[in-house]
Amino acid sequence: MPAVMLHVAFVVPFRFETSLRFLRAALDVPGCAVSLITQEPQDAFDAELRKRLAGFRQVKDALSGAALVDACRHLSQRLGM
């Protein structure tokens, strides 16, 4: 497996199948660690997808720029990326 060169915080405000297709495609990019930021609870996503995530952060409002910045900072500190 290639070393992780990039960490992507992928925002899926709501669990729509279209959004999940893009998320799964990002998870397939070699050398890319993907974290998920969403309003949905973690258990709203299937176990197989959750296992592939580098990180997860639920926010109250995934359309708020301030909430997204805070979530990215949290993930960065937690994951050391």
N, C-alpha and C. Protein backbone atom coordinates (compact mmCIF):
# COMPACT_ATOMS: atom_id res chain seq x y z
N MET A 1 0.85 -1.18 0.00
CA MET A 1 0.00 0.00 0.00
C MET A 1 0.89 1.24 0.00
N PRO A 2 0.58 2.24 -0.84
CA PRO A 2 1.42 3.44 -0.89
C PRO A 2 1.29 4.26 0.38
N ALA A 3 2.33 5.01 0.70
CA ALA A 3 2.29 5.91 1.85
C ALA A 3 1.24 6.99 1.60
N VAL A 4 0.60 7.42 2.67
CA VAL A 4 -0.40 8.48 2.55
C VAL A 4 0.31 9.79 2.26
N MET A 5 -0.05 10.41 1.14
CA MET A 5 0.56 11.68 0.76
C MET A 5 -0.42 12.84 0.94
N LEU A 6 -1.69 12.52 1.03
CA LEU A 6 -2.72 13.55 1.04
C LEU A 6 -3.84 13.15 2.00
N HIS A 7 -4.32 14.11 2.77
CA HIS A 7 -5.48 13.86 3.63
C HIS A 7 -6.61 14.77 3.17
N VAL A 8 -7.74 14.18 2.83
CA VAL A 8 -8.89 14.93 2.33
C VAL A 8 -10.01 14.86 3.36
N ALA A 9 -10.55 16.03 3.70
CA ALA A 9 -11.75 16.09 4.54
C ALA A 9 -12.93 16.23 3.59
N PHE A 10 -13.70 15.17 3.43
CA PHE A 10 -14.81 15.13 2.48
C PHE A 10 -16.09 15.49 3.23
N VAL A 11 -16.81 16.48 2.74
CA VAL A 11 -18.04 16.93 3.40
C VAL A 11 -19.25 16.34 2.70
N VAL A 12 -20.03 15.59 3.46
CA VAL A 12 -21.30 15.04 2.99
C VAL A 12 -22.35 15.51 4.00
N PRO A 13 -22.94 16.69 3.75
CA PRO A 13 -23.88 17.24 4.73
C PRO A 13 -24.99 16.25 5.10
N PHE A 14 -25.54 15.61 4.08
CA PHE A 14 -26.64 14.66 4.28
C PHE A 14 -26.32 13.39 3.51
N ARG A 15 -26.77 12.28 4.01
CA ARG A 15 -26.47 10.97 3.43
C ARG A 15 -27.33 10.72 2.18
N PHE A 16 -26.86 11.23 1.05
CA PHE A 16 -27.52 10.98 -0.23
C PHE A 16 -26.64 10.02 -1.03
N GLU A 17 -27.25 9.12 -1.76
CA GLU A 17 -26.48 8.12 -2.51
C GLU A 17 -25.50 8.78 -3.49
N THR A 18 -25.90 9.87 -4.09
CA THR A 18 -25.00 10.57 -5.02
C THR A 18 -23.73 11.01 -4.31
N SER A 19 -23.88 11.60 -3.14
CA SER A 19 -22.73 12.04 -2.36
C SER A 19 -21.85 10.87 -1.95
N LEU A 20 -22.49 9.77 -1.61
CA LEU A 20 -21.72 8.58 -1.19
C LEU A 20 -20.92 8.01 -2.34
N ARG A 21 -21.41 8.13 -3.56
CA ARG A 21 -20.63 7.68 -4.73
C ARG A 21 -19.33 8.45 -4.85
N PHE A 22 -19.40 9.77 -4.66
CA PHE A 22 -18.19 10.59 -4.71
C PHE A 22 -17.26 10.24 -3.55
N LEU A 23 -17.82 10.02 -2.37
CA LEU A 23 -17.01 9.65 -1.21
C LEU A 23 -16.29 8.33 -1.46
N ARG A 24 -17.00 7.35 -1.98
CA ARG A 24 -16.37 6.04 -2.26
C ARG A 24 -15.27 6.18 -3.31
N ALA A 25 -15.48 7.02 -4.30
CA ALA A 25 -14.45 7.24 -5.32
C ALA A 25 -13.21 7.87 -4.68
N ALA A 26 -13.39 8.81 -3.77
CA ALA A 26 -12.25 9.42 -3.08
C ALA A 26 -11.51 8.39 -2.25
N LEU A 27 -12.24 7.48 -1.64
CA LEU A 27 -11.62 6.42 -0.83
C LEU A 27 -10.76 5.48 -1.68
N ASP A 28 -11.03 5.42 -2.96
CA ASP A 28 -10.27 4.54 -3.86
C ASP A 28 -9.01 5.18 -4.43
N VAL A 29 -8.77 6.45 -4.14
CA VAL A 29 -7.59 7.13 -4.67
C VAL A 29 -6.35 6.66 -3.89
N PRO A 30 -5.37 6.08 -4.57
CA PRO A 30 -4.16 5.60 -3.88
C PRO A 30 -3.42 6.76 -3.20
N GLY A 31 -2.93 6.52 -2.00
CA GLY A 31 -2.16 7.51 -1.29
C GLY A 31 -2.98 8.63 -0.67
N CYS A 32 -4.29 8.45 -0.63
CA CYS A 32 -5.18 9.49 -0.12
C CYS A 32 -5.93 8.96 1.11
N ALA A 33 -5.78 9.64 2.24
CA ALA A 33 -6.56 9.33 3.43
C ALA A 33 -7.78 10.24 3.42
N VAL A 34 -8.94 9.67 3.66
CA VAL A 34 -10.19 10.43 3.58
C VAL A 34 -10.90 10.43 4.92
N SER A 35 -11.23 11.62 5.40
CA SER A 35 -12.06 11.78 6.59
C SER A 35 -13.41 12.33 6.15
N LEU A 36 -14.42 12.04 6.93
CA LEU A 36 -15.78 12.45 6.60
C LEU A 36 -16.29 13.47 7.62
N ILE A 37 -16.84 14.55 7.11
CA ILE A 37 -17.52 15.56 7.93
C ILE A 37 -18.97 15.59 7.48
N THR A 38 -19.90 15.46 8.43
CA THR A 38 -21.30 15.33 8.09
C THR A 38 -22.19 15.75 9.26
N GLN A 39 -23.45 15.98 8.97
CA GLN A 39 -24.44 16.21 10.02
C GLN A 39 -25.01 14.89 10.52
N GLU A 40 -24.82 13.85 9.76
CA GLU A 40 -25.41 12.55 10.08
C GLU A 40 -24.59 11.84 11.18
N PRO A 41 -25.24 10.99 11.98
CA PRO A 41 -24.48 10.21 12.96
C PRO A 41 -23.63 9.15 12.24
N GLN A 42 -22.55 8.75 12.88
CA GLN A 42 -21.62 7.81 12.27
C GLN A 42 -22.31 6.50 11.86
N ASP A 43 -23.26 6.04 12.66
CA ASP A 43 -23.91 4.76 12.34
C ASP A 43 -24.90 4.84 11.18
N ALA A 44 -25.07 6.04 10.61
CA ALA A 44 -25.90 6.18 9.41
C ALA A 44 -25.18 5.66 8.17
N PHE A 45 -23.86 5.46 8.31
CA PHE A 45 -23.04 4.98 7.19
C PHE A 45 -22.69 3.52 7.43
N ASP A 46 -22.64 2.75 6.34
CA ASP A 46 -22.41 1.32 6.49
C ASP A 46 -21.02 1.04 7.06
N ALA A 47 -20.91 -0.09 7.73
CA ALA A 47 -19.69 -0.46 8.45
C ALA A 47 -18.48 -0.53 7.52
N GLU A 48 -18.65 -1.03 6.32
CA GLU A 48 -17.54 -1.16 5.37
C GLU A 48 -16.97 0.21 5.01
N LEU A 49 -17.84 1.18 4.80
CA LEU A 49 -17.39 2.54 4.49
C LEU A 49 -16.69 3.15 5.71
N ARG A 50 -17.26 2.98 6.88
CA ARG A 50 -16.68 3.55 8.11
C ARG A 50 -15.28 3.02 8.37
N LYS A 51 -15.05 1.75 8.07
CA LYS A 51 -13.73 1.15 8.29
C LYS A 51 -12.66 1.79 7.42
N ARG A 52 -13.05 2.31 6.28
CA ARG A 52 -12.09 2.88 5.32
C ARG A 52 -11.75 4.34 5.59
N LEU A 53 -12.49 4.97 6.49
CA LEU A 53 -12.27 6.39 6.78
C LEU A 53 -11.08 6.59 7.71
N ALA A 54 -10.30 7.62 7.43
CA ALA A 54 -9.20 7.99 8.32
C ALA A 54 -9.75 8.67 9.57
N GLY A 55 -10.85 9.39 9.42
CA GLY A 55 -11.46 10.10 10.53
C GLY A 55 -12.90 10.42 10.26
N PHE A 56 -13.62 10.80 11.30
CA PHE A 56 -15.04 11.12 11.18
C PHE A 56 -15.33 12.25 12.15
N ARG A 57 -16.12 13.22 11.70
CA ARG A 57 -16.55 14.32 12.58
C ARG A 57 -17.98 14.70 12.24
N GLN A 58 -18.85 14.58 13.22
CA GLN A 58 -20.24 15.02 13.04
C GLN A 58 -20.34 16.46 13.51
N VAL A 59 -21.00 17.29 12.70
CA VAL A 59 -21.20 18.70 13.04
C VAL A 59 -22.68 19.00 13.07
N LYS A 60 -23.03 20.06 13.77
CA LYS A 60 -24.44 20.45 13.85
C LYS A 60 -24.95 21.00 12.52
N ASP A 61 -24.09 21.79 11.84
CA ASP A 61 -24.49 22.41 10.57
C ASP A 61 -23.35 22.27 9.57
N ALA A 62 -23.46 21.30 8.67
CA ALA A 62 -22.41 21.04 7.68
C ALA A 62 -22.42 22.05 6.54
N LEU A 63 -23.28 23.04 6.62
CA LEU A 63 -23.29 24.11 5.62
C LEU A 63 -22.68 25.39 6.19
N SER A 64 -22.20 25.31 7.42
CA SER A 64 -21.58 26.45 8.10
C SER A 64 -20.07 26.41 7.90
N GLY A 65 -19.53 27.46 7.32
CA GLY A 65 -18.09 27.53 7.11
C GLY A 65 -17.31 27.39 8.42
N ALA A 66 -17.79 28.05 9.47
CA ALA A 66 -17.11 27.98 10.76
C ALA A 66 -17.11 26.55 11.31
N ALA A 67 -18.22 25.84 11.17
CA ALA A 67 -18.31 24.46 11.64
C ALA A 67 -17.35 23.56 10.87
N LEU A 68 -17.22 23.81 9.57
CA LEU A 68 -16.31 22.99 8.75
C LEU A 68 -14.85 23.26 9.10
N VAL A 69 -14.51 24.52 9.33
CA VAL A 69 -13.14 24.85 9.74
C VAL A 69 -12.82 24.18 11.08
N ASP A 70 -13.73 24.26 12.03
CA ASP A 70 -13.52 23.63 13.33
C ASP A 70 -13.36 22.12 13.18
N ALA A 71 -14.18 21.50 12.34
CA ALA A 71 -14.10 20.06 12.12
C ALA A 71 -12.76 19.67 11.50
N CYS A 72 -12.30 20.45 10.53
CA CYS A 72 -11.01 20.18 9.89
C CYS A 72 -9.86 20.32 10.89
N ARG A 73 -9.93 21.32 11.72
CA ARG A 73 -8.89 21.50 12.75
C ARG A 73 -8.88 20.32 13.72
N HIS A 74 -10.06 19.90 14.14
CA HIS A 74 -10.17 18.76 15.05
C HIS A 74 -9.55 17.51 14.41
N LEU A 75 -9.92 17.24 13.17
CA LEU A 75 -9.40 16.05 12.48
C LEU A 75 -7.88 16.14 12.30
N SER A 76 -7.41 17.31 11.96
CA SER A 76 -5.97 17.51 11.77
C SER A 76 -5.20 17.24 13.06
N GLN A 77 -5.69 17.76 14.16
CA GLN A 77 -5.03 17.55 15.46
C GLN A 77 -5.11 16.09 15.88
N ARG A 78 -6.27 15.48 15.70
CA ARG A 78 -6.48 14.09 16.12
C ARG A 78 -5.65 13.12 15.29
N LEU A 79 -5.54 13.39 14.00
CA LEU A 79 -4.86 12.46 13.11
C LEU A 79 -3.40 12.84 12.86
N GLY A 80 -3.01 14.02 13.34
CA GLY A 80 -1.63 14.44 13.14
C GLY A 80 -1.30 14.72 11.69
N MET A 81 -2.28 15.19 10.95
CA MET A 81 -2.08 15.47 9.52
C MET A 81 -2.25 16.93 9.24
